Amino acid sequence: MRTDNRREWRSPKEATRLPGEVCDTCGLPKEVCVCQDLQTEQTVLRLSLDTRRYGKAVTRIEGFEEVATLREMASELKRAMATGGTAKNGWIELQGDHREAVRDWLSRRGYRVEG
């Protein structure tokens, strides 16, 4: 442990490092990275209505690329629509007919929705 007030020597490369992390794709700092927004705008989701046993309606959303995004989006959608549902096999299922509300909800978040 040093007790004197001398500063340690740093190389110029270490001294000029930008604070925060840099995105590997676009090269911008993570705080202003636009890669996620571009990916969201390019993702096309498909809405459909399935019927299950005893004529129960199920809203189905397909087109997600990543499993982590799928589970997170399912959780947010279930909370927003106040209904049950699941995320499996690359799609989200919500109990009931929520096509219009889900279309509006996804559009506000920048997704393109078909169906």
PDB file of N, CA and C in Angstrom:
ATOM      1  N   MET A   1       0.833  -1.176   0.000  1.00  0.00           N
ATOM      2  CA  MET A   1       0.000   0.000   0.000  1.00  0.00           C
ATOM      3  C   MET A   1       0.878   1.240   0.000  1.00  0.00           C
ATOM      4  N   ARG A   2       0.519   2.192  -0.853  1.00  0.00           N
ATOM      5  CA  ARG A   2       1.323   3.404  -0.975  1.00  0.00           C
ATOM      6  C   ARG A   2       0.817   4.461  -0.004  1.00  0.00           C
ATOM      7  N   THR A   3       1.752   5.121   0.612  1.00  0.00           N
ATOM      8  CA  THR A   3       1.373   6.180   1.543  1.00  0.00           C
ATOM      9  C   THR A   3       1.723   7.560   1.018  1.00  0.00           C
ATOM     10  N   ASP A   4       2.558   7.631  -0.031  1.00  0.00           N
ATOM     11  CA  ASP A   4       2.899   8.949  -0.571  1.00  0.00           C
ATOM     12  C   ASP A   4       1.843   9.405  -1.585  1.00  0.00           C
ATOM     13  N   ASN A   5       1.917  10.634  -2.008  1.00  0.00           N
ATOM     14  CA  ASN A   5       0.903  11.223  -2.879  1.00  0.00           C
ATOM     15  C   ASN A   5       1.262  11.142  -4.365  1.00  0.00           C
ATOM     16  N   ARG A   6       2.234  10.339  -4.749  1.00  0.00           N
ATOM     17  CA  ARG A   6       2.598  10.225  -6.152  1.00  0.00           C
ATOM     18  C   ARG A   6       1.553   9.410  -6.904  1.00  0.00           C
ATOM     19  N   ARG A   7       1.297   9.817  -8.144  1.00  0.00           N
ATOM     20  CA  ARG A   7       0.367   9.075  -8.982  1.00  0.00           C
ATOM     21  C   ARG A   7       1.101   7.970  -9.721  1.00  0.00           C
ATOM     22  N   GLU A   8       0.378   6.902  -9.976  1.00  0.00           N
ATOM     23  CA  GLU A   8       0.977   5.819 -10.734  1.00  0.00           C
ATOM     24  C   GLU A   8       0.979   6.176 -12.208  1.00  0.00           C
ATOM     25  N   TRP A   9       1.968   5.667 -12.935  1.00  0.00           N
ATOM     26  CA  TRP A   9       2.090   5.954 -14.348  1.00  0.00           C
ATOM     27  C   TRP A   9       1.083   5.121 -15.129  1.00  0.00           C
ATOM     28  N   ARG A  10       0.420   5.748 -16.108  1.00  0.00           N
ATOM     29  CA  ARG A  10      -0.505   5.053 -16.996  1.00  0.00           C
ATOM     30  C   ARG A  10      -0.073   5.273 -18.432  1.00  0.00           C
ATOM     31  N   SER A  11      -0.341   4.288 -19.244  1.00  0.00           N
ATOM     32  CA  SER A  11      -0.026   4.445 -20.661  1.00  0.00           C
ATOM     33  C   SER A  11      -1.048   5.395 -21.286  1.00  0.00           C
ATOM     34  N   PRO A  12      -0.724   6.032 -22.417  1.00  0.00           N
ATOM     35  CA  PRO A  12      -1.667   6.940 -23.067  1.00  0.00           C
ATOM     36  C   PRO A  12      -2.956   6.236 -23.482  1.00  0.00           C
ATOM     37  N   LYS A  13      -2.861   4.977 -23.834  1.00  0.00           N
ATOM     38  CA  LYS A  13      -4.047   4.227 -24.241  1.00  0.00           C
ATOM     39  C   LYS A  13      -5.021   4.087 -23.070  1.00  0.00           C
ATOM     40  N   GLU A  14      -4.518   3.806 -21.885  1.00  0.00           N
ATOM     41  CA  GLU A  14      -5.372   3.685 -20.699  1.00  0.00           C
ATOM     42  C   GLU A  14      -5.943   5.023 -20.280  1.00  0.00           C
ATOM     43  N   ALA A  15      -5.187   6.089 -20.464  1.00  0.00           N
ATOM     44  CA  ALA A  15      -5.624   7.408 -20.031  1.00  0.00           C
ATOM     45  C   ALA A  15      -6.732   7.964 -20.916  1.00  0.00           C
ATOM     46  N   THR A  16      -6.800   7.553 -22.186  1.00  0.00           N
ATOM     47  CA  THR A  16      -7.797   8.105 -23.100  1.00  0.00           C
ATOM     48  C   THR A  16      -8.991   7.193 -23.299  1.00  0.00           C
ATOM     49  N   ARG A  17      -9.109   6.173 -22.528  1.00  0.00           N
ATOM     50  CA  ARG A  17     -10.221   5.245 -22.660  1.00  0.00           C
ATOM     51  C   ARG A  17     -11.544   5.952 -22.352  1.00  0.00           C
ATOM     52  N   LEU A  18     -12.552   5.697 -23.181  1.00  0.00           N
ATOM     53  CA  LEU A  18     -13.871   6.290 -22.961  1.00  0.00           C
ATOM     54  C   LEU A  18     -14.574   5.577 -21.814  1.00  0.00           C
ATOM     55  N   PRO A  19     -15.329   6.318 -21.020  1.00  0.00           N
ATOM     56  CA  PRO A  19     -16.071   5.659 -19.951  1.00  0.00           C
ATOM     57  C   PRO A  19     -17.203   4.811 -20.528  1.00  0.00           C
ATOM     58  N   GLY A  20     -17.473   3.683 -19.937  1.00  0.00           N
ATOM     59  CA  GLY A  20     -18.546   2.812 -20.399  1.00  0.00           C
ATOM     60  C   GLY A  20     -18.061   1.841 -21.456  1.00  0.00           C
ATOM     61  N   GLU A  21     -18.975   1.021 -21.913  1.00  0.00           N
ATOM     62  CA  GLU A  21     -18.640   0.010 -22.897  1.00  0.00           C
ATOM     63  C   GLU A  21     -19.023   0.481 -24.290  1.00  0.00           C
ATOM     64  N   VAL A  22     -18.391  -0.113 -25.298  1.00  0.00           N
ATOM     65  CA  VAL A  22     -18.646   0.233 -26.688  1.00  0.00           C
ATOM     66  C   VAL A  22     -19.321  -0.957 -27.362  1.00  0.00           C
ATOM     67  N   CYS A  23     -20.333  -0.686 -28.176  1.00  0.00           N
ATOM     68  CA  CYS A  23     -21.053  -1.728 -28.904  1.00  0.00           C
ATOM     69  C   CYS A  23     -20.147  -2.329 -29.973  1.00  0.00           C
ATOM     70  N   ASP A  24     -20.134  -3.653 -30.078  1.00  0.00           N
ATOM     71  CA  ASP A  24     -19.303  -4.328 -31.061  1.00  0.00           C
ATOM     72  C   ASP A  24     -19.829  -4.138 -32.485  1.00  0.00           C
ATOM     73  N   THR A  25     -21.123  -3.954 -32.636  1.00  0.00           N
ATOM     74  CA  THR A  25     -21.734  -3.853 -33.956  1.00  0.00           C
ATOM     75  C   THR A  25     -21.580  -2.476 -34.582  1.00  0.00           C
ATOM     76  N   CYS A  26     -22.011  -1.439 -33.844  1.00  0.00           N
ATOM     77  CA  CYS A  26     -22.010  -0.091 -34.423  1.00  0.00           C
ATOM     78  C   CYS A  26     -20.837   0.771 -33.966  1.00  0.00           C
ATOM     79  N   GLY A  27     -20.132   0.401 -32.908  1.00  0.00           N
ATOM     80  CA  GLY A  27     -18.982   1.152 -32.438  1.00  0.00           C
ATOM     81  C   GLY A  27     -19.319   2.346 -31.562  1.00  0.00           C
ATOM     82  N   LEU A  28     -20.588   2.552 -31.278  1.00  0.00           N
ATOM     83  CA  LEU A  28     -21.008   3.655 -30.416  1.00  0.00           C
ATOM     84  C   LEU A  28     -20.995   3.211 -28.958  1.00  0.00           C
ATOM     85  N   PRO A  29     -20.913   4.156 -28.014  1.00  0.00           N
ATOM     86  CA  PRO A  29     -21.051   3.782 -26.605  1.00  0.00           C
ATOM     87  C   PRO A  29     -22.413   3.124 -26.361  1.00  0.00           C
ATOM     88  N   LYS A  30     -22.466   2.188 -25.434  1.00  0.00           N
ATOM     89  CA  LYS A  30     -23.698   1.444 -25.163  1.00  0.00           C
ATOM     90  C   LYS A  30     -24.870   2.352 -24.824  1.00  0.00           C
ATOM     91  N   GLU A  31     -24.594   3.534 -24.235  1.00  0.00           N
ATOM     92  CA  GLU A  31     -25.665   4.448 -23.834  1.00  0.00           C
ATOM     93  C   GLU A  31     -26.416   5.005 -25.037  1.00  0.00           C
ATOM     94  N   VAL A  32     -25.743   5.142 -26.184  1.00  0.00           N
ATOM     95  CA  VAL A  32     -26.376   5.722 -27.364  1.00  0.00           C
ATOM     96  C   VAL A  32     -26.467   4.729 -28.528  1.00  0.00           C
ATOM     97  N   CYS A  33     -26.233   3.467 -28.277  1.00  0.00           N
ATOM     98  CA  CYS A  33     -26.270   2.429 -29.309  1.00  0.00           C
ATOM     99  C   CYS A  33     -27.673   2.327 -29.912  1.00  0.00           C
ATOM    100  N   VAL A  34     -27.750   2.194 -31.235  1.00  0.00           N
ATOM    101  CA  VAL A  34     -29.029   2.117 -31.927  1.00  0.00           C
ATOM    102  C   VAL A  34     -29.295   0.721 -32.491  1.00  0.00           C
ATOM    103  N   CYS A  35     -28.437  -0.224 -32.224  1.00  0.00           N
ATOM    104  CA  CYS A  35     -28.574  -1.573 -32.784  1.00  0.00           C
ATOM    105  C   CYS A  35     -29.872  -2.237 -32.336  1.00  0.00           C
ATOM    106  N   GLN A  36     -30.217  -2.115 -31.064  1.00  0.00           N
ATOM    107  CA  GLN A  36     -31.439  -2.740 -30.551  1.00  0.00           C
ATOM    108  C   GLN A  36     -32.670  -2.126 -31.201  1.00  0.00           C
ATOM    109  N   ASP A  37     -32.678  -0.801 -31.392  1.00  0.00           N
ATOM    110  CA  ASP A  37     -33.813  -0.141 -32.034  1.00  0.00           C
ATOM    111  C   ASP A  37     -33.962  -0.597 -33.477  1.00  0.00           C
ATOM    112  N   LEU A  38     -32.850  -0.730 -34.195  1.00  0.00           N
ATOM    113  CA  LEU A  38     -32.903  -1.195 -35.573  1.00  0.00           C
ATOM    114  C   LEU A  38     -33.396  -2.629 -35.659  1.00  0.00           C
ATOM    115  N   GLN A  39     -32.948  -3.463 -34.738  1.00  0.00           N
ATOM    116  CA  GLN A  39     -33.392  -4.853 -34.724  1.00  0.00           C
ATOM    117  C   GLN A  39     -34.887  -4.927 -34.445  1.00  0.00           C
ATOM    118  N   THR A  40     -35.379  -4.078 -33.534  1.00  0.00           N
ATOM    119  CA  THR A  40     -36.795  -4.060 -33.213  1.00  0.00           C
ATOM    120  C   THR A  40     -37.615  -3.633 -34.419  1.00  0.00           C
ATOM    121  N   GLU A  41     -37.179  -2.611 -35.142  1.00  0.00           N
ATOM    122  CA  GLU A  41     -37.918  -2.128 -36.297  1.00  0.00           C
ATOM    123  C   GLU A  41     -37.916  -3.135 -37.444  1.00  0.00           C
ATOM    124  N   GLN A  42     -36.882  -3.932 -37.549  1.00  0.00           N
ATOM    125  CA  GLN A  42     -36.785  -4.899 -38.640  1.00  0.00           C
ATOM    126  C   GLN A  42     -37.508  -6.198 -38.327  1.00  0.00           C
ATOM    127  N   THR A  43     -37.841  -6.440 -37.078  1.00  0.00           N
ATOM    128  CA  THR A  43     -38.531  -7.665 -36.692  1.00  0.00           C
ATOM    129  C   THR A  43     -40.005  -7.559 -37.053  1.00  0.00           C
ATOM    130  N   VAL A  44     -40.511  -8.524 -37.783  1.00  0.00           N
ATOM    131  CA  VAL A  44     -41.921  -8.562 -38.152  1.00  0.00           C
ATOM    132  C   VAL A  44     -42.581  -9.667 -37.331  1.00  0.00           C
ATOM    133  N   LEU A  45     -43.559  -9.296 -36.519  1.00  0.00           N
ATOM    134  CA  LEU A  45     -44.277 -10.258 -35.696  1.00  0.00           C
ATOM    135  C   LEU A  45     -45.621 -10.570 -36.330  1.00  0.00           C
ATOM    136  N   ARG A  46     -46.063 -11.811 -36.205  1.00  0.00           N
ATOM    137  CA  ARG A  46     -47.335 -12.240 -36.755  1.00  0.00           C
ATOM    138  C   ARG A  46     -48.308 -12.576 -35.626  1.00  0.00           C
ATOM    139  N   LEU A  47     -49.484 -11.998 -35.708  1.00  0.00           N
ATOM    140  CA  LEU A  47     -50.536 -12.266 -34.727  1.00  0.00           C
ATOM    141  C   LEU A  47     -51.553 -13.217 -35.331  1.00  0.00           C
ATOM    142  N   SER A  48     -52.013 -14.162 -34.542  1.00  0.00           N
ATOM    143  CA  SER A  48     -53.061 -15.062 -35.002  1.00  0.00           C
ATOM    144  C   SER A  48     -53.910 -15.475 -33.810  1.00  0.00           C
ATOM    145  N   LEU A  49     -55.072 -16.013 -34.113  1.00  0.00           N
ATOM    146  CA  LEU A  49     -55.986 -16.483 -33.081  1.00  0.00           C
ATOM    147  C   LEU A  49     -56.200 -17.971 -33.265  1.00  0.00           C
ATOM    148  N   ASP A  50     -55.921 -18.738 -32.248  1.00  0.00           N
ATOM    149  CA  ASP A  50     -56.156 -20.177 -32.245  1.00  0.00           C
ATOM    150  C   ASP A  50     -57.305 -20.468 -31.298  1.00  0.00           C
ATOM    151  N   THR A  51     -57.939 -21.584 -31.506  1.00  0.00           N
ATOM    152  CA  THR A  51     -58.948 -22.027 -30.542  1.00  0.00           C
ATOM    153  C   THR A  51     -58.492 -23.343 -29.950  1.00  0.00           C
ATOM    154  N   ARG A  52     -58.743 -23.484 -28.702  1.00  0.00           N
ATOM    155  CA  ARG A  52     -58.344 -24.687 -27.978  1.00  0.00           C
ATOM    156  C   ARG A  52     -59.576 -25.468 -27.566  1.00  0.00           C
ATOM    157  N   ARG A  53     -59.369 -26.362 -26.677  1.00  0.00           N
ATOM    158  CA  ARG A  53     -60.437 -27.202 -26.166  1.00  0.00           C
ATOM    159  C   ARG A  53     -61.611 -26.351 -25.672  1.00  0.00           C
ATOM    160  N   TYR A  54     -62.805 -26.788 -25.948  1.00  0.00           N
ATOM    161  CA  TYR A  54     -64.043 -26.126 -25.541  1.00  0.00           C
ATOM    162  C   TYR A  54     -64.183 -24.728 -26.137  1.00  0.00           C
ATOM    163  N   GLY A  55     -63.533 -24.462 -27.270  1.00  0.00           N
ATOM    164  CA  GLY A  55     -63.675 -23.198 -27.973  1.00  0.00           C
ATOM    165  C   GLY A  55     -62.960 -22.018 -27.336  1.00  0.00           C
ATOM    166  N   LYS A  56     -62.010 -22.277 -26.459  1.00  0.00           N
ATOM    167  CA  LYS A  56     -61.271 -21.193 -25.804  1.00  0.00           C
ATOM    168  C   LYS A  56     -60.334 -20.518 -26.810  1.00  0.00           C
ATOM    169  N   ALA A  57     -60.314 -19.189 -26.811  1.00  0.00           N
ATOM    170  CA  ALA A  57     -59.469 -18.428 -27.734  1.00  0.00           C
ATOM    171  C   ALA A  57     -58.073 -18.247 -27.147  1.00  0.00           C
ATOM    172  N   VAL A  58     -57.071 -18.304 -28.019  1.00  0.00           N
ATOM    173  CA  VAL A  58     -55.674 -18.100 -27.625  1.00  0.00           C
ATOM    174  C   VAL A  58     -55.027 -17.189 -28.666  1.00  0.00           C
ATOM    175  N   THR A  59     -54.472 -16.069 -28.220  1.00  0.00           N
ATOM    176  CA  THR A  59     -53.755 -15.155 -29.102  1.00  0.00           C
ATOM    177  C   THR A  59     -52.311 -15.628 -29.200  1.00  0.00           C
ATOM    178  N   ARG A  60     -51.829 -15.746 -30.430  1.00  0.00           N
ATOM    179  CA  ARG A  60     -50.481 -16.277 -30.660  1.00  0.00           C
ATOM    180  C   ARG A  60     -49.637 -15.226 -31.381  1.00  0.00           C
ATOM    181  N   ILE A  61     -48.433 -14.973 -30.866  1.00  0.00           N
ATOM    182  CA  ILE A  61     -47.511 -14.001 -31.442  1.00  0.00           C
ATOM    183  C   ILE A  61     -46.249 -14.752 -31.839  1.00  0.00           C
ATOM    184  N   GLU A  62     -45.906 -14.708 -33.139  1.00  0.00           N
ATOM    185  CA  GLU A  62     -44.732 -15.414 -33.658  1.00  0.00           C
ATOM    186  C   GLU A  62     -43.759 -14.433 -34.291  1.00  0.00           C
ATOM    187  N   GLY A  63     -42.483 -14.824 -34.361  1.00  0.00           N
ATOM    188  CA  GLY A  63     -41.495 -14.050 -35.093  1.00  0.00           C
ATOM    189  C   GLY A  63     -40.337 -13.544 -34.257  1.00  0.00           C
ATOM    190  N   PHE A  64     -40.234 -13.945 -33.016  1.00  0.00           N
ATOM    191  CA  PHE A  64     -39.129 -13.498 -32.169  1.00  0.00           C
ATOM    192  C   PHE A  64     -37.862 -14.266 -32.517  1.00  0.00           C
ATOM    193  N   GLU A  65     -36.732 -13.576 -32.493  1.00  0.00           N
ATOM    194  CA  GLU A  65     -35.449 -14.173 -32.837  1.00  0.00           C
ATOM    195  C   GLU A  65     -34.782 -14.834 -31.636  1.00  0.00           C
ATOM    196  N   GLU A  66     -34.776 -14.168 -30.497  1.00  0.00           N
ATOM    197  CA  GLU A  66     -34.015 -14.624 -29.340  1.00  0.00           C
ATOM    198  C   GLU A  66     -34.939 -15.172 -28.257  1.00  0.00           C
ATOM    199  N   VAL A  67     -34.496 -16.213 -27.581  1.00  0.00           N
ATOM    200  CA  VAL A  67     -35.288 -16.824 -26.517  1.00  0.00           C
ATOM    201  C   VAL A  67     -35.404 -15.881 -25.323  1.00  0.00           C
ATOM    202  N   ALA A  68     -34.340 -15.154 -25.002  1.00  0.00           N
ATOM    203  CA  ALA A  68     -34.376 -14.211 -23.880  1.00  0.00           C
ATOM    204  C   ALA A  68     -35.404 -13.112 -24.138  1.00  0.00           C
ATOM    205  N   THR A  69     -35.440 -12.594 -25.359  1.00  0.00           N
ATOM    206  CA  THR A  69     -36.422 -11.576 -25.721  1.00  0.00           C
ATOM    207  C   THR A  69     -37.823 -12.148 -25.640  1.00  0.00           C
ATOM    208  N   LEU A  70     -37.978 -13.378 -26.074  1.00  0.00           N
ATOM    209  CA  LEU A  70     -39.280 -14.039 -26.073  1.00  0.00           C
ATOM    210  C   LEU A  70     -39.852 -14.133 -24.665  1.00  0.00           C
ATOM    211  N   ARG A  71     -39.069 -14.612 -23.724  1.00  0.00           N
ATOM    212  CA  ARG A  71     -39.558 -14.774 -22.347  1.00  0.00           C
ATOM    213  C   ARG A  71     -39.835 -13.437 -21.682  1.00  0.00           C
ATOM    214  N   GLU A  72     -38.959 -12.469 -21.916  1.00  0.00           N
ATOM    215  CA  GLU A  72     -39.148 -11.142 -21.329  1.00  0.00           C
ATOM    216  C   GLU A  72     -40.405 -10.481 -21.895  1.00  0.00           C
ATOM    217  N   MET A  73     -40.601 -10.583 -23.211  1.00  0.00           N
ATOM    218  CA  MET A  73     -41.768  -9.995 -23.852  1.00  0.00           C
ATOM    219  C   MET A  73     -43.041 -10.692 -23.396  1.00  0.00           C
ATOM    220  N   ALA A  74     -43.005 -12.001 -23.213  1.00  0.00           N
ATOM    221  CA  ALA A  74     -44.186 -12.736 -22.734  1.00  0.00           C
ATOM    222  C   ALA A  74     -44.586 -12.252 -21.353  1.00  0.00           C
ATOM    223  N   SER A  75     -43.628 -12.061 -20.494  1.00  0.00           N
ATOM    224  CA  SER A  75     -43.913 -11.582 -19.149  1.00  0.00           C
ATOM    225  C   SER A  75     -44.550 -10.188 -19.185  1.00  0.00           C
ATOM    226  N   GLU A  76     -44.000  -9.297 -20.003  1.00  0.00           N
ATOM    227  CA  GLU A  76     -44.547  -7.943 -20.109  1.00  0.00           C
ATOM    228  C   GLU A  76     -45.947  -7.950 -20.717  1.00  0.00           C
ATOM    229  N   LEU A  77     -46.163  -8.776 -21.738  1.00  0.00           N
ATOM    230  CA  LEU A  77     -47.475  -8.851 -22.372  1.00  0.00           C
ATOM    231  C   LEU A  77     -48.530  -9.409 -21.421  1.00  0.00           C
ATOM    232  N   LYS A  78     -48.183 -10.441 -20.681  1.00  0.00           N
ATOM    233  CA  LYS A  78     -49.143 -11.012 -19.731  1.00  0.00           C
ATOM    234  C   LYS A  78     -49.534  -9.993 -18.681  1.00  0.00           C
ATOM    235  N   ARG A  79     -48.566  -9.213 -18.228  1.00  0.00           N
ATOM    236  CA  ARG A  79     -48.844  -8.176 -17.235  1.00  0.00           C
ATOM    237  C   ARG A  79     -49.718  -7.070 -17.839  1.00  0.00           C
ATOM    238  N   ALA A  80     -49.395  -6.648 -19.061  1.00  0.00           N
ATOM    239  CA  ALA A  80     -50.128  -5.563 -19.710  1.00  0.00           C
ATOM    240  C   ALA A  80     -51.559  -5.961 -20.064  1.00  0.00           C
ATOM    241  N   MET A  81     -51.770  -7.205 -20.471  1.00  0.00           N
ATOM    242  CA  MET A  81     -53.098  -7.664 -20.872  1.00  0.00           C
ATOM    243  C   MET A  81     -53.882  -8.279 -19.716  1.00  0.00           C
ATOM    244  N   ALA A  82     -53.239  -8.398 -18.557  1.00  0.00           N
ATOM    245  CA  ALA A  82     -53.868  -8.975 -17.362  1.00  0.00           C
ATOM    246  C   ALA A  82     -54.457 -10.356 -17.667  1.00  0.00           C
ATOM    247  N   THR A  83     -53.616 -11.214 -18.232  1.00  0.00           N
ATOM    248  CA  THR A  83     -54.057 -12.553 -18.592  1.00  0.00           C
ATOM    249  C   THR A  83     -52.911 -13.536 -18.414  1.00  0.00           C
ATOM    250  N   GLY A  84     -53.233 -14.790 -18.505  1.00  0.00           N
ATOM    251  CA  GLY A  84     -52.222 -15.827 -18.426  1.00  0.00           C
ATOM    252  C   GLY A  84     -51.666 -16.118 -19.802  1.00  0.00           C
ATOM    253  N   GLY A  85     -50.595 -16.868 -19.840  1.00  0.00           N
ATOM    254  CA  GLY A  85     -50.007 -17.229 -21.115  1.00  0.00           C
ATOM    255  C   GLY A  85     -48.688 -17.940 -20.926  1.00  0.00           C
ATOM    256  N   THR A  86     -48.005 -18.182 -22.040  1.00  0.00           N
ATOM    257  CA  THR A  86     -46.741 -18.888 -22.003  1.00  0.00           C
ATOM    258  C   THR A  86     -45.874 -18.477 -23.183  1.00  0.00           C
ATOM    259  N   ALA A  87     -44.591 -18.772 -23.072  1.00  0.00           N
ATOM    260  CA  ALA A  87     -43.636 -18.575 -24.164  1.00  0.00           C
ATOM    261  C   ALA A  87     -42.990 -19.916 -24.442  1.00  0.00           C
ATOM    262  N   LYS A  88     -43.205 -20.443 -25.644  1.00  0.00           N
ATOM    263  CA  LYS A  88     -42.623 -21.737 -25.982  1.00  0.00           C
ATOM    264  C   LYS A  88     -42.505 -21.881 -27.490  1.00  0.00           C
ATOM    265  N   ASN A  89     -41.583 -22.708 -27.925  1.00  0.00           N
ATOM    266  CA  ASN A  89     -41.393 -23.048 -29.336  1.00  0.00           C
ATOM    267  C   ASN A  89     -41.258 -21.839 -30.247  1.00  0.00           C
ATOM    268  N   GLY A  90     -40.725 -20.733 -29.754  1.00  0.00           N
ATOM    269  CA  GLY A  90     -40.516 -19.560 -30.591  1.00  0.00           C
ATOM    270  C   GLY A  90     -41.712 -18.640 -30.708  1.00  0.00           C
ATOM    271  N   TRP A  91     -42.759 -18.848 -29.932  1.00  0.00           N
ATOM    272  CA  TRP A  91     -43.905 -17.951 -29.970  1.00  0.00           C
ATOM    273  C   TRP A  91     -44.455 -17.713 -28.574  1.00  0.00           C
ATOM    274  N   ILE A  92     -45.346 -16.729 -28.468  1.00  0.00           N
ATOM    275  CA  ILE A  92     -46.006 -16.399 -27.205  1.00  0.00           C
ATOM    276  C   ILE A  92     -47.487 -16.696 -27.364  1.00  0.00           C
ATOM    277  N   GLU A  93     -48.077 -17.329 -26.359  1.00  0.00           N
ATOM    278  CA  GLU A  93     -49.513 -17.583 -26.341  1.00  0.00           C
ATOM    279  C   GLU A  93     -50.124 -16.845 -25.159  1.00  0.00           C
ATOM    280  N   LEU A  94     -51.187 -16.107 -25.424  1.00  0.00           N
ATOM    281  CA  LEU A  94     -51.935 -15.413 -24.381  1.00  0.00           C
ATOM    282  C   LEU A  94     -53.352 -15.966 -24.346  1.00  0.00           C
ATOM    283  N   GLN A  95     -53.865 -16.186 -23.173  1.00  0.00           N
ATOM    284  CA  GLN A  95     -55.218 -16.714 -23.042  1.00  0.00           C
ATOM    285  C   GLN A  95     -56.225 -15.624 -23.388  1.00  0.00           C
ATOM    286  N   GLY A  96     -57.103 -15.917 -24.332  1.00  0.00           N
ATOM    287  CA  GLY A  96     -58.131 -14.961 -24.740  1.00  0.00           C
ATOM    288  C   GLY A  96     -57.794 -14.296 -26.066  1.00  0.00           C
ATOM    289  N   ASP A  97     -58.759 -13.542 -26.584  1.00  0.00           N
ATOM    290  CA  ASP A  97     -58.587 -12.823 -27.845  1.00  0.00           C
ATOM    291  C   ASP A  97     -58.121 -11.405 -27.541  1.00  0.00           C
ATOM    292  N   HIS A  98     -56.817 -11.163 -27.670  1.00  0.00           N
ATOM    293  CA  HIS A  98     -56.219  -9.862 -27.365  1.00  0.00           C
ATOM    294  C   HIS A  98     -55.515  -9.282 -28.576  1.00  0.00           C
ATOM    295  N   ARG A  99     -55.939  -9.630 -29.776  1.00  0.00           N
ATOM    296  CA  ARG A  99     -55.218  -9.233 -30.982  1.00  0.00           C
ATOM    297  C   ARG A  99     -55.084  -7.720 -31.132  1.00  0.00           C
ATOM    298  N   GLU A 100     -56.154  -6.980 -30.974  1.00  0.00           N
ATOM    299  CA  GLU A 100     -56.106  -5.523 -31.153  1.00  0.00           C
ATOM    300  C   GLU A 100     -55.230  -4.857 -30.091  1.00  0.00           C
ATOM    301  N   ALA A 101     -55.399  -5.256 -28.839  1.00  0.00           N
ATOM    302  CA  ALA A 101     -54.615  -4.657 -27.752  1.00  0.00           C
ATOM    303  C   ALA A 101     -53.130  -5.002 -27.897  1.00  0.00           C
ATOM    304  N   VAL A 102     -52.825  -6.229 -28.279  1.00  0.00           N
ATOM    305  CA  VAL A 102     -51.433  -6.640 -28.466  1.00  0.00           C
ATOM    306  C   VAL A 102     -50.826  -5.900 -29.648  1.00  0.00           C
ATOM    307  N   ARG A 103     -51.587  -5.731 -30.743  1.00  0.00           N
ATOM    308  CA  ARG A 103     -51.100  -4.998 -31.915  1.00  0.00           C
ATOM    309  C   ARG A 103     -50.725  -3.572 -31.517  1.00  0.00           C
ATOM    310  N   ASP A 104     -51.594  -2.901 -30.765  1.00  0.00           N
ATOM    311  CA  ASP A 104     -51.306  -1.534 -30.314  1.00  0.00           C
ATOM    312  C   ASP A 104     -50.086  -1.499 -29.393  1.00  0.00           C
ATOM    313  N   TRP A 105     -50.014  -2.443 -28.464  1.00  0.00           N
ATOM    314  CA  TRP A 105     -48.931  -2.498 -27.488  1.00  0.00           C
ATOM    315  C   TRP A 105     -47.589  -2.703 -28.180  1.00  0.00           C
ATOM    316  N   LEU A 106     -47.531  -3.618 -29.146  1.00  0.00           N
ATOM    317  CA  LEU A 106     -46.294  -3.897 -29.868  1.00  0.00           C
ATOM    318  C   LEU A 106     -45.915  -2.737 -30.789  1.00  0.00           C
ATOM    319  N   SER A 107     -46.888  -2.101 -31.408  1.00  0.00           N
ATOM    320  CA  SER A 107     -46.617  -0.962 -32.287  1.00  0.00           C
ATOM    321  C   SER A 107     -46.010   0.200 -31.514  1.00  0.00           C
ATOM    322  N   ARG A 108     -46.489   0.437 -30.307  1.00  0.00           N
ATOM    323  CA  ARG A 108     -45.932   1.503 -29.477  1.00  0.00           C
ATOM    324  C   ARG A 108     -44.480   1.234 -29.115  1.00  0.00           C
ATOM    325  N   ARG A 109     -44.067  -0.010 -29.106  1.00  0.00           N
ATOM    326  CA  ARG A 109     -42.688  -0.367 -28.786  1.00  0.00           C
ATOM    327  C   ARG A 109     -41.805  -0.500 -30.009  1.00  0.00           C
ATOM    328  N   GLY A 110     -42.336  -0.190 -31.191  1.00  0.00           N
ATOM    329  CA  GLY A 110     -41.522  -0.146 -32.404  1.00  0.00           C
ATOM    330  C   GLY A 110     -41.510  -1.403 -33.242  1.00  0.00           C
ATOM    331  N   TYR A 111     -42.319  -2.411 -32.922  1.00  0.00           N
ATOM    332  CA  TYR A 111     -42.375  -3.635 -33.720  1.00  0.00           C
ATOM    333  C   TYR A 111     -43.343  -3.467 -34.871  1.00  0.00           C
ATOM    334  N   ARG A 112     -43.056  -4.143 -35.975  1.00  0.00           N
ATOM    335  CA  ARG A 112     -43.993  -4.207 -37.089  1.00  0.00           C
ATOM    336  C   ARG A 112     -44.841  -5.454 -36.894  1.00  0.00           C
ATOM    337  N   VAL A 113     -46.154  -5.312 -37.032  1.00  0.00           N
ATOM    338  CA  VAL A 113     -47.070  -6.415 -36.743  1.00  0.00           C
ATOM    339  C   VAL A 113     -47.901  -6.725 -37.984  1.00  0.00           C
ATOM    340  N   GLU A 114     -47.977  -8.013 -38.321  1.00  0.00           N
ATOM    341  CA  GLU A 114     -48.827  -8.489 -39.403  1.00  0.00           C
ATOM    342  C   GLU A 114     -49.919  -9.375 -38.814  1.00  0.00           C
ATOM    343  N   GLY A 115     -51.014  -9.455 -39.527  1.00  0.00           N
ATOM    344  CA  GLY A 115     -52.080 -10.375 -39.125  1.00  0.00           C
ATOM    345  C   GLY A 115     -53.082  -9.808 -38.184  1.00  0.00           C
TER     346      GLY A 115
END
